[in-house]
Amino acid sequence: MVVVAAVDRSGRSSHVVSEAASLAAAFDEPVHVVHALTRSEFVDLGLTSAQAEEPKDMAEIRSAAAEMAEDAVPELSVPYETVGLVGNPAEEVTEYADEQDASYIVVSPRRRSRTGKMLFGSVAQSILLNASCPVVSTLAAEE
């Protein structure tokens, strides 16, 4: 079993990884720091085959996402690995957690108004509602 830390490229990610490391230490499990590269990130990075000089294969794209996950990792005293996924973050993270038989998923939702929560979906909320394992939510002071 593993503890999955679902990170993005925000300042909240270090809090997610720290909380995941605490859980991993308590249960003697490794941490998998996961970043799902969304389509907009994919396009912004110029990784589409139409924009690149050479078409990128999915392994290269997942590697780029894993490097983004690595950026969120502070010094950890528990074993960890970074994982890059491509697609809808909530779906990819929950599917990955299921595949790994994760004991926990750790997320950090953005703080939004009540109206914003009703109008716009939240990756963290979707993970919370669809995960088959417990989800730990950590709030960062950043937002």
N, C-alpha and C. Protein backbone atom coordinates (compact mmCIF):
# COMPACT_ATOMS: atom_id res chain seq x y z
N MET A 1 0.84 -1.18 0.00
CA MET A 1 0.00 0.00 0.00
C MET A 1 0.88 1.24 0.00
N VAL A 2 0.30 2.33 -0.45
CA VAL A 2 1.02 3.60 -0.53
C VAL A 2 0.11 4.72 -0.07
N VAL A 3 0.71 5.88 0.18
CA VAL A 3 -0.04 7.11 0.42
C VAL A 3 0.16 7.96 -0.82
N VAL A 4 -0.92 8.36 -1.45
CA VAL A 4 -0.85 9.17 -2.67
C VAL A 4 -1.00 10.63 -2.30
N ALA A 5 -0.01 11.43 -2.70
CA ALA A 5 -0.07 12.89 -2.52
C ALA A 5 -0.38 13.50 -3.87
N ALA A 6 -1.59 14.02 -4.03
CA ALA A 6 -2.01 14.62 -5.30
C ALA A 6 -1.62 16.09 -5.31
N VAL A 7 -0.66 16.44 -6.18
CA VAL A 7 -0.14 17.80 -6.20
C VAL A 7 -0.41 18.49 -7.54
N ASP A 8 -0.40 19.81 -7.47
CA ASP A 8 -0.44 20.62 -8.68
C ASP A 8 0.77 21.54 -8.62
N ARG A 9 0.76 22.61 -9.36
CA ARG A 9 1.94 23.48 -9.38
C ARG A 9 1.76 24.69 -8.48
N SER A 10 0.94 24.59 -7.47
CA SER A 10 0.70 25.70 -6.55
C SER A 10 1.55 25.55 -5.29
N GLY A 11 1.53 26.58 -4.47
CA GLY A 11 2.24 26.55 -3.20
C GLY A 11 1.65 25.58 -2.19
N ARG A 12 0.41 25.15 -2.43
CA ARG A 12 -0.25 24.20 -1.52
C ARG A 12 0.38 22.82 -1.57
N SER A 13 1.08 22.53 -2.64
CA SER A 13 1.60 21.17 -2.85
C SER A 13 2.58 20.72 -1.77
N SER A 14 3.39 21.62 -1.28
CA SER A 14 4.35 21.22 -0.24
C SER A 14 3.62 20.78 1.03
N HIS A 15 2.48 21.39 1.32
CA HIS A 15 1.68 20.99 2.48
C HIS A 15 1.10 19.59 2.27
N VAL A 16 0.67 19.31 1.04
CA VAL A 16 0.12 17.99 0.71
C VAL A 16 1.19 16.92 0.91
N VAL A 17 2.39 17.18 0.40
CA VAL A 17 3.48 16.20 0.51
C VAL A 17 3.88 16.00 1.96
N SER A 18 3.94 17.08 2.73
CA SER A 18 4.30 16.95 4.15
C SER A 18 3.28 16.11 4.91
N GLU A 19 2.00 16.35 4.66
CA GLU A 19 0.95 15.57 5.33
C GLU A 19 1.01 14.11 4.89
N ALA A 20 1.25 13.88 3.61
CA ALA A 20 1.36 12.50 3.11
C ALA A 20 2.56 11.80 3.76
N ALA A 21 3.65 12.52 3.92
CA ALA A 21 4.84 11.94 4.56
C ALA A 21 4.56 11.57 6.01
N SER A 22 3.79 12.40 6.71
CA SER A 22 3.43 12.09 8.10
C SER A 22 2.60 10.80 8.17
N LEU A 23 1.64 10.66 7.27
CA LEU A 23 0.82 9.44 7.24
C LEU A 23 1.68 8.24 6.87
N ALA A 24 2.54 8.42 5.90
CA ALA A 24 3.40 7.32 5.45
C ALA A 24 4.31 6.85 6.57
N ALA A 25 4.86 7.78 7.33
CA ALA A 25 5.73 7.41 8.45
C ALA A 25 4.94 6.66 9.52
N ALA A 26 3.72 7.11 9.78
CA ALA A 26 2.89 6.47 10.81
C ALA A 26 2.52 5.04 10.44
N PHE A 27 2.33 4.79 9.14
CA PHE A 27 1.87 3.47 8.70
C PHE A 27 2.96 2.68 7.96
N ASP A 28 4.19 3.20 7.98
CA ASP A 28 5.33 2.54 7.36
C ASP A 28 5.04 2.20 5.89
N GLU A 29 4.65 3.22 5.15
CA GLU A 29 4.34 3.08 3.73
C GLU A 29 5.10 4.14 2.93
N PRO A 30 5.33 3.90 1.65
CA PRO A 30 5.95 4.93 0.82
C PRO A 30 4.92 5.96 0.36
N VAL A 31 5.42 7.09 -0.09
CA VAL A 31 4.57 8.14 -0.65
C VAL A 31 4.74 8.15 -2.17
N HIS A 32 3.65 8.24 -2.87
CA HIS A 32 3.68 8.46 -4.32
C HIS A 32 3.16 9.87 -4.55
N VAL A 33 4.05 10.75 -4.98
CA VAL A 33 3.69 12.14 -5.27
C VAL A 33 3.24 12.18 -6.72
N VAL A 34 1.96 12.47 -6.93
CA VAL A 34 1.34 12.35 -8.24
C VAL A 34 0.91 13.71 -8.78
N HIS A 35 1.29 13.98 -10.02
CA HIS A 35 0.81 15.18 -10.72
C HIS A 35 0.17 14.74 -12.02
N ALA A 36 -1.07 15.14 -12.24
CA ALA A 36 -1.77 14.83 -13.49
C ALA A 36 -1.70 16.07 -14.37
N LEU A 37 -1.06 15.92 -15.49
CA LEU A 37 -0.89 17.01 -16.45
C LEU A 37 -2.20 17.18 -17.21
N THR A 38 -2.82 18.33 -17.04
CA THR A 38 -4.08 18.60 -17.73
C THR A 38 -3.82 18.97 -19.18
N ARG A 39 -4.88 18.96 -19.98
CA ARG A 39 -4.73 19.33 -21.39
C ARG A 39 -4.21 20.75 -21.52
N SER A 40 -4.69 21.68 -20.70
CA SER A 40 -4.23 23.07 -20.82
C SER A 40 -2.75 23.19 -20.46
N GLU A 41 -2.29 22.45 -19.45
CA GLU A 41 -0.86 22.45 -19.12
C GLU A 41 -0.06 21.85 -20.27
N PHE A 42 -0.59 20.80 -20.83
CA PHE A 42 0.04 20.11 -21.95
C PHE A 42 0.25 21.09 -23.11
N VAL A 43 -0.79 21.86 -23.44
CA VAL A 43 -0.71 22.84 -24.52
C VAL A 43 0.22 23.99 -24.14
N ASP A 44 0.09 24.49 -22.90
CA ASP A 44 0.95 25.59 -22.45
C ASP A 44 2.43 25.25 -22.52
N LEU A 45 2.76 24.01 -22.30
CA LEU A 45 4.16 23.59 -22.33
C LEU A 45 4.66 23.31 -23.73
N GLY A 46 3.77 23.42 -24.71
CA GLY A 46 4.18 23.15 -26.09
C GLY A 46 4.49 21.69 -26.32
N LEU A 47 3.79 20.82 -25.64
CA LEU A 47 4.07 19.40 -25.76
C LEU A 47 3.19 18.69 -26.78
N THR A 48 2.28 19.44 -27.42
CA THR A 48 1.45 18.79 -28.42
C THR A 48 2.26 18.54 -29.67
N SER A 49 1.93 17.51 -30.37
CA SER A 49 2.71 17.14 -31.56
C SER A 49 2.63 18.22 -32.63
N ALA A 50 1.54 18.98 -32.66
CA ALA A 50 1.40 20.04 -33.66
C ALA A 50 2.38 21.19 -33.38
N GLN A 51 2.73 21.39 -32.11
CA GLN A 51 3.61 22.50 -31.76
C GLN A 51 5.06 22.07 -31.63
N ALA A 52 5.31 20.81 -31.45
CA ALA A 52 6.67 20.34 -31.23
C ALA A 52 7.33 20.01 -32.57
N GLU A 53 8.65 20.15 -32.60
CA GLU A 53 9.38 19.78 -33.80
C GLU A 53 9.27 18.28 -34.05
N GLU A 54 9.34 17.52 -32.98
CA GLU A 54 9.17 16.08 -33.05
C GLU A 54 8.01 15.70 -32.15
N PRO A 55 7.14 14.80 -32.59
CA PRO A 55 6.03 14.39 -31.72
C PRO A 55 6.55 13.79 -30.41
N LYS A 56 5.90 14.12 -29.33
CA LYS A 56 6.26 13.59 -28.02
C LYS A 56 5.46 12.30 -27.78
N ASP A 57 6.10 11.31 -27.24
CA ASP A 57 5.34 10.12 -26.90
C ASP A 57 4.82 10.26 -25.47
N MET A 58 3.89 9.41 -25.11
CA MET A 58 3.25 9.53 -23.80
C MET A 58 4.25 9.34 -22.66
N ALA A 59 5.28 8.54 -22.87
CA ALA A 59 6.29 8.34 -21.83
C ALA A 59 7.00 9.65 -21.52
N GLU A 60 7.31 10.44 -22.56
CA GLU A 60 7.96 11.73 -22.35
C GLU A 60 7.03 12.71 -21.64
N ILE A 61 5.76 12.66 -21.97
CA ILE A 61 4.79 13.56 -21.36
C ILE A 61 4.59 13.19 -19.89
N ARG A 62 4.49 11.92 -19.60
CA ARG A 62 4.37 11.48 -18.20
C ARG A 62 5.62 11.84 -17.42
N SER A 63 6.77 11.76 -18.08
CA SER A 63 8.03 12.13 -17.43
C SER A 63 8.03 13.62 -17.07
N ALA A 64 7.51 14.46 -17.98
CA ALA A 64 7.41 15.90 -17.70
C ALA A 64 6.49 16.14 -16.50
N ALA A 65 5.38 15.40 -16.43
CA ALA A 65 4.45 15.53 -15.30
C ALA A 65 5.11 15.06 -14.01
N ALA A 66 5.91 14.00 -14.08
CA ALA A 66 6.62 13.50 -12.89
C ALA A 66 7.64 14.53 -12.41
N GLU A 67 8.28 15.24 -13.34
CA GLU A 67 9.22 16.30 -12.95
C GLU A 67 8.49 17.43 -12.22
N MET A 68 7.26 17.73 -12.65
CA MET A 68 6.45 18.74 -11.96
C MET A 68 6.11 18.26 -10.55
N ALA A 69 5.84 16.99 -10.40
CA ALA A 69 5.57 16.43 -9.07
C ALA A 69 6.82 16.53 -8.20
N GLU A 70 7.98 16.29 -8.77
CA GLU A 70 9.24 16.36 -8.03
C GLU A 70 9.47 17.77 -7.47
N ASP A 71 9.00 18.79 -8.19
CA ASP A 71 9.16 20.17 -7.72
C ASP A 71 8.43 20.41 -6.40
N ALA A 72 7.43 19.60 -6.10
CA ALA A 72 6.64 19.78 -4.87
C ALA A 72 7.23 19.04 -3.68
N VAL A 73 8.30 18.27 -3.90
CA VAL A 73 8.83 17.42 -2.85
C VAL A 73 9.93 18.14 -2.06
N PRO A 74 9.67 18.39 -0.78
CA PRO A 74 10.74 18.91 0.08
C PRO A 74 11.62 17.73 0.51
N GLU A 75 12.52 17.97 1.41
CA GLU A 75 13.32 16.86 1.94
C GLU A 75 12.37 15.93 2.70
N LEU A 76 12.36 14.67 2.31
CA LEU A 76 11.49 13.70 2.98
C LEU A 76 12.33 12.62 3.63
N SER A 77 11.84 12.15 4.77
CA SER A 77 12.53 11.09 5.49
C SER A 77 11.88 9.74 5.24
N VAL A 78 10.88 9.71 4.36
CA VAL A 78 10.21 8.45 4.01
C VAL A 78 10.48 8.15 2.54
N PRO A 79 10.44 6.88 2.16
CA PRO A 79 10.61 6.54 0.75
C PRO A 79 9.48 7.16 -0.08
N TYR A 80 9.85 7.66 -1.25
CA TYR A 80 8.83 8.24 -2.12
C TYR A 80 9.24 8.06 -3.57
N GLU A 81 8.26 8.21 -4.43
CA GLU A 81 8.53 8.29 -5.86
C GLU A 81 7.55 9.28 -6.46
N THR A 82 7.96 9.89 -7.57
CA THR A 82 7.08 10.82 -8.25
C THR A 82 6.48 10.12 -9.46
N VAL A 83 5.22 10.47 -9.72
CA VAL A 83 4.48 9.83 -10.79
C VAL A 83 3.81 10.90 -11.63
N GLY A 84 3.96 10.79 -12.94
CA GLY A 84 3.30 11.71 -13.86
C GLY A 84 2.15 11.02 -14.56
N LEU A 85 1.01 11.69 -14.56
CA LEU A 85 -0.18 11.18 -15.23
C LEU A 85 -0.64 12.24 -16.24
N VAL A 86 -1.46 11.84 -17.17
CA VAL A 86 -1.98 12.78 -18.17
C VAL A 86 -3.49 12.59 -18.27
N GLY A 87 -4.23 13.69 -18.14
CA GLY A 87 -5.68 13.63 -18.29
C GLY A 87 -6.39 14.43 -17.22
N ASN A 88 -7.64 14.10 -17.01
CA ASN A 88 -8.45 14.76 -15.99
C ASN A 88 -7.86 14.43 -14.62
N PRO A 89 -7.39 15.44 -13.89
CA PRO A 89 -6.68 15.16 -12.62
C PRO A 89 -7.47 14.29 -11.63
N ALA A 90 -8.73 14.61 -11.40
CA ALA A 90 -9.50 13.85 -10.42
C ALA A 90 -9.63 12.38 -10.84
N GLU A 91 -9.95 12.16 -12.11
CA GLU A 91 -10.10 10.79 -12.59
C GLU A 91 -8.78 10.03 -12.56
N GLU A 92 -7.73 10.69 -13.00
CA GLU A 92 -6.42 10.03 -13.06
C GLU A 92 -5.91 9.69 -11.66
N VAL A 93 -6.07 10.61 -10.72
CA VAL A 93 -5.59 10.37 -9.35
C VAL A 93 -6.37 9.24 -8.69
N THR A 94 -7.69 9.26 -8.80
CA THR A 94 -8.48 8.20 -8.16
C THR A 94 -8.21 6.85 -8.81
N GLU A 95 -8.05 6.82 -10.11
CA GLU A 95 -7.74 5.56 -10.81
C GLU A 95 -6.36 5.05 -10.38
N TYR A 96 -5.39 5.95 -10.30
CA TYR A 96 -4.05 5.56 -9.87
C TYR A 96 -4.09 5.02 -8.44
N ALA A 97 -4.79 5.70 -7.56
CA ALA A 97 -4.89 5.25 -6.17
C ALA A 97 -5.52 3.86 -6.10
N ASP A 98 -6.53 3.61 -6.90
CA ASP A 98 -7.14 2.28 -6.94
C ASP A 98 -6.14 1.23 -7.41
N GLU A 99 -5.40 1.55 -8.47
CA GLU A 99 -4.42 0.61 -9.01
C GLU A 99 -3.33 0.28 -7.99
N GLN A 100 -2.97 1.26 -7.17
CA GLN A 100 -1.91 1.08 -6.19
C GLN A 100 -2.42 0.56 -4.85
N ASP A 101 -3.72 0.38 -4.74
CA ASP A 101 -4.34 -0.01 -3.47
C ASP A 101 -3.92 0.96 -2.36
N ALA A 102 -4.05 2.25 -2.66
CA ALA A 102 -3.61 3.30 -1.73
C ALA A 102 -4.38 3.26 -0.43
N SER A 103 -3.68 3.52 0.65
CA SER A 103 -4.34 3.59 1.95
C SER A 103 -4.97 4.96 2.18
N TYR A 104 -4.38 6.01 1.57
CA TYR A 104 -4.89 7.38 1.67
C TYR A 104 -4.54 8.14 0.40
N ILE A 105 -5.36 9.14 0.12
CA ILE A 105 -5.03 10.17 -0.87
C ILE A 105 -5.02 11.48 -0.10
N VAL A 106 -3.99 12.29 -0.29
CA VAL A 106 -3.92 13.60 0.37
C VAL A 106 -4.06 14.67 -0.70
N VAL A 107 -4.97 15.63 -0.46
CA VAL A 107 -5.23 16.73 -1.39
C VAL A 107 -5.28 18.05 -0.63
N SER A 108 -5.23 19.13 -1.38
CA SER A 108 -5.42 20.45 -0.79
C SER A 108 -6.32 21.26 -1.69
N PRO A 109 -7.57 21.44 -1.29
CA PRO A 109 -8.50 22.19 -2.14
C PRO A 109 -8.19 23.68 -2.13
N ARG A 110 -8.58 24.33 -3.21
CA ARG A 110 -8.50 25.79 -3.25
C ARG A 110 -9.64 26.35 -2.42
N ARG A 111 -9.40 27.47 -1.79
CA ARG A 111 -10.48 28.12 -1.05
C ARG A 111 -11.28 28.96 -2.03
N ARG A 112 -12.58 28.70 -2.05
CA ARG A 112 -13.46 29.42 -2.97
C ARG A 112 -14.72 29.85 -2.23
N SER A 113 -15.42 30.78 -2.83
CA SER A 113 -16.68 31.23 -2.24
C SER A 113 -17.72 30.12 -2.39
N ARG A 114 -18.82 30.26 -1.69
CA ARG A 114 -19.90 29.27 -1.80
C ARG A 114 -20.41 29.19 -3.23
N THR A 115 -20.56 30.34 -3.87
CA THR A 115 -21.03 30.36 -5.25
C THR A 115 -20.01 29.68 -6.16
N GLY A 116 -18.74 29.95 -5.95
CA GLY A 116 -17.70 29.32 -6.76
C GLY A 116 -17.71 27.82 -6.62
N LYS A 117 -18.00 27.33 -5.42
CA LYS A 117 -18.06 25.89 -5.20
C LYS A 117 -19.22 25.26 -5.95
N MET A 118 -20.33 26.01 -6.07
CA MET A 118 -21.50 25.48 -6.76
C MET A 118 -21.33 25.52 -8.28
N LEU A 119 -20.68 26.57 -8.78
CA LEU A 119 -20.57 26.75 -10.21
C LEU A 119 -19.44 25.98 -10.86
N PHE A 120 -18.35 25.84 -10.16
CA PHE A 120 -17.17 25.23 -10.75
C PHE A 120 -16.77 23.99 -9.97
N GLY A 121 -16.47 22.92 -10.69
CA GLY A 121 -16.04 21.69 -10.05
C GLY A 121 -14.68 21.86 -9.41
N SER A 122 -14.40 21.07 -8.44
CA SER A 122 -13.12 21.10 -7.75
C SER A 122 -12.49 19.73 -7.89
N VAL A 123 -11.20 19.71 -8.23
CA VAL A 123 -10.49 18.45 -8.33
C VAL A 123 -10.51 17.75 -6.98
N ALA A 124 -10.19 18.48 -5.92
CA ALA A 124 -10.17 17.88 -4.59
C ALA A 124 -11.55 17.33 -4.22
N GLN A 125 -12.59 18.09 -4.52
CA GLN A 125 -13.95 17.64 -4.20
C GLN A 125 -14.29 16.37 -4.98
N SER A 126 -13.94 16.33 -6.24
CA SER A 126 -14.22 15.16 -7.05
C SER A 126 -13.47 13.93 -6.53
N ILE A 127 -12.21 14.13 -6.15
CA ILE A 127 -11.44 13.03 -5.57
C ILE A 127 -12.10 12.55 -4.29
N LEU A 128 -12.51 13.50 -3.44
CA LEU A 128 -13.15 13.16 -2.17
C LEU A 128 -14.42 12.33 -2.39
N LEU A 129 -15.19 12.70 -3.40
CA LEU A 129 -16.45 12.01 -3.65
C LEU A 129 -16.29 10.68 -4.37
N ASN A 130 -15.20 10.50 -5.11
CA ASN A 130 -15.07 9.31 -5.96
C ASN A 130 -13.99 8.32 -5.53
N ALA A 131 -13.17 8.68 -4.58
CA ALA A 131 -12.09 7.78 -4.16
C ALA A 131 -12.65 6.60 -3.38
N SER A 132 -11.99 5.46 -3.54
CA SER A 132 -12.41 4.27 -2.80
C SER A 132 -11.62 4.10 -1.50
N CYS A 133 -10.71 5.04 -1.23
CA CYS A 133 -9.95 5.00 0.03
C CYS A 133 -10.16 6.34 0.74
N PRO A 134 -9.75 6.45 1.99
CA PRO A 134 -9.90 7.72 2.70
C PRO A 134 -9.11 8.85 2.03
N VAL A 135 -9.69 10.04 2.06
CA VAL A 135 -9.05 11.22 1.49
C VAL A 135 -8.81 12.21 2.62
N VAL A 136 -7.55 12.69 2.73
CA VAL A 136 -7.19 13.66 3.74
C VAL A 136 -7.05 14.99 3.04
N SER A 137 -7.72 16.00 3.55
CA SER A 137 -7.66 17.34 2.98
C SER A 137 -6.84 18.24 3.90
N THR A 138 -5.87 18.93 3.33
CA THR A 138 -5.04 19.83 4.11
C THR A 138 -5.19 21.23 3.53
N LEU A 139 -5.37 22.20 4.38
CA LEU A 139 -5.49 23.58 3.92
C LEU A 139 -4.19 24.32 4.18
N ALA A 140 -3.72 24.98 3.15
CA ALA A 140 -2.51 25.78 3.26
C ALA A 140 -2.89 27.21 3.58
N ALA A 141 -2.03 27.93 4.26
CA ALA A 141 -2.28 29.32 4.62
C ALA A 141 -2.13 30.24 3.43
N GLU A 142 -1.62 29.72 2.31
CA GLU A 142 -1.30 30.52 1.15
C GLU A 142 -2.51 31.25 0.55
N GLU A 143 -3.69 30.58 0.48
CA GLU A 143 -4.81 31.19 -0.21
C GLU A 143 -5.85 31.71 0.75
